[in-house]
Each structure stands twice: as structure tokens, then as C-alpha cells.
Amino acid sequence: LRLDNVVRRGGLTLPRPQARQGIGHGHFLVNWRKCTVASRLLKPGEMVHVKARRSLQQLYGGITRDVDDPWPGFLSVDSSRLTVGVLRDPLPE
């Protein structure tokens, strides 16, 4: 799973270009480390966090509250902490 896909499907951003831009600006952390590569592949057990800045928490927290789509089964989403975890690789359809 690509980082931009996890950020988007986890509900932290709405369109994928917004996810790519936020990642490029360093708004998201992977396992508490800065990652600015949107194409980074995530493995099961890795976590994506929104950087701990008030403005970023407000920006991405508002988006998370507005999303009504259910989360995919391979992601765990904690909208109060603004984190998305990869539980497993997605199953082929």
C-alpha cells in the first residue's frame, strides 16, 4: 500500500492530490518519523499520524469528521487521534 493511498482511504484527506501535497510538505509521520515520499510502500503494522501542530490537527481533523464512507477492512482508523494503521495487505478483488 502506498502512503498517499493510506492517507486518502483512511479519511485524512479527500482527494489523492491533497494527500500527496500534505505528504510532500511533511504533514504526516510514518511510525513517528517524517516521510515526504508519497509513493512509500507501507507494511502491515505501520502507523500514519498527522504531525502534532494545532493548525494541521484542525485541518485534517475537520476532514475526518466530514467523511461518511466506511473504512476499508485492512486499515484501522482512530479519528480522535488522527492516525491510520495498516492491519494487513488488501485482498485481491
Protein backbone atom coordinates (compact mmCIF):
# COMPACT_ATOMS: atom_id res chain seq x y z
CA LEU A 1 0.00 0.00 0.00
CA ARG A 2 1.30 3.42 -0.92
CA LEU A 3 1.41 6.15 1.71
CA ASP A 4 -0.78 8.52 -0.33
CA ASN A 5 -3.38 5.76 -0.73
CA VAL A 6 -3.45 5.02 3.02
CA VAL A 7 -3.82 8.73 3.87
CA ARG A 8 -6.67 9.10 1.36
CA ARG A 9 -8.52 5.84 2.13
CA GLY A 10 -8.09 6.38 5.86
CA GLY A 11 -10.11 9.59 5.54
CA LEU A 12 -7.39 12.09 6.45
CA THR A 13 -7.77 13.83 3.07
CA LEU A 14 -10.49 13.82 0.44
CA PRO A 15 -8.75 13.79 -2.98
CA ARG A 16 -5.46 11.96 -3.55
CA PRO A 17 -3.64 15.12 -4.79
CA GLN A 18 -4.33 16.69 -1.38
CA ALA A 19 -2.77 13.63 0.27
CA ARG A 20 0.30 13.86 -1.97
CA GLN A 21 0.72 17.58 -1.24
CA GLY A 22 0.36 17.10 2.52
CA ILE A 23 2.89 14.27 2.48
CA GLY A 24 5.32 16.36 0.43
CA HIS A 25 5.05 19.20 2.95
CA GLY A 26 5.78 16.84 5.85
CA HIS A 27 2.31 16.94 7.44
CA PHE A 28 2.24 13.17 8.04
CA LEU A 29 4.53 10.90 10.03
CA VAL A 30 5.06 7.18 9.48
CA ASN A 31 5.81 5.42 12.77
CA TRP A 32 6.54 8.88 14.29
CA ARG A 33 9.17 9.67 11.63
CA LYS A 34 8.85 12.32 8.94
CA CYS A 35 8.26 10.91 5.47
CA THR A 36 7.88 13.14 2.40
CA VAL A 37 7.69 10.37 -0.21
CA ALA A 38 4.08 9.78 -1.29
CA SER A 39 4.96 6.55 -3.10
CA ARG A 40 6.48 4.92 0.01
CA LEU A 41 5.13 1.40 0.46
CA LEU A 42 3.67 0.65 3.89
CA LYS A 43 3.74 -2.76 5.53
CA PRO A 44 1.23 -4.28 7.96
CA GLY A 45 1.76 -2.87 11.45
CA GLU A 46 2.89 0.58 10.33
CA MET A 47 1.04 3.69 11.52
CA VAL A 48 0.46 7.05 9.85
CA HIS A 49 -0.01 10.09 12.11
CA VAL A 50 -0.80 13.74 11.47
CA LYS A 51 2.07 15.92 12.66
CA ALA A 52 1.41 17.41 16.12
CA ARG A 53 0.74 21.02 15.14
CA ARG A 54 -2.51 22.70 16.09
CA SER A 55 -3.19 24.05 12.59
CA LEU A 56 -2.62 20.64 10.98
CA GLN A 57 -4.72 18.86 13.62
CA GLN A 58 -7.60 21.27 12.91
CA LEU A 59 -7.25 20.98 9.13
CA TYR A 60 -7.16 17.19 8.91
CA GLY A 61 -9.48 16.66 11.89
CA GLY A 62 -12.22 18.61 10.12
CA ILE A 63 -11.87 16.44 7.02
CA THR A 64 -12.05 13.23 9.07
CA ARG A 65 -15.34 14.31 10.66
CA ASP A 66 -16.88 15.05 7.24
CA VAL A 67 -16.16 11.63 5.71
CA ASP A 68 -19.13 9.23 5.73
CA ASP A 69 -17.57 6.35 3.77
CA PRO A 70 -16.73 3.21 5.76
CA TRP A 71 -13.02 2.49 6.21
CA PRO A 72 -11.52 -0.42 4.27
CA GLY A 73 -11.10 -3.59 6.35
CA PHE A 74 -7.32 -3.55 6.03
CA LEU A 75 -6.99 -0.17 7.79
CA SER A 76 -7.62 0.81 11.41
CA VAL A 77 -8.64 4.45 11.78
CA ASP A 78 -8.62 6.46 15.02
CA SER A 79 -10.24 9.76 14.06
CA SER A 80 -9.80 11.26 17.55
CA ARG A 81 -6.00 10.78 17.39
CA LEU A 82 -5.80 11.28 13.60
CA THR A 83 -3.98 8.01 13.00
CA VAL A 84 -4.37 5.30 10.39
CA GLY A 85 -2.83 1.87 10.88
CA VAL A 86 -2.23 -0.80 8.27
CA LEU A 87 -3.65 -4.07 9.62
CA ARG A 88 -2.89 -6.30 6.64
CA ASP A 89 -2.35 -6.19 2.91
CA PRO A 90 -5.59 -5.73 0.94
CA LEU A 91 -7.13 -8.84 -0.56
CA PRO A 92 -7.26 -9.01 -4.37
CA GLU A 93 -10.72 -8.48 -5.80
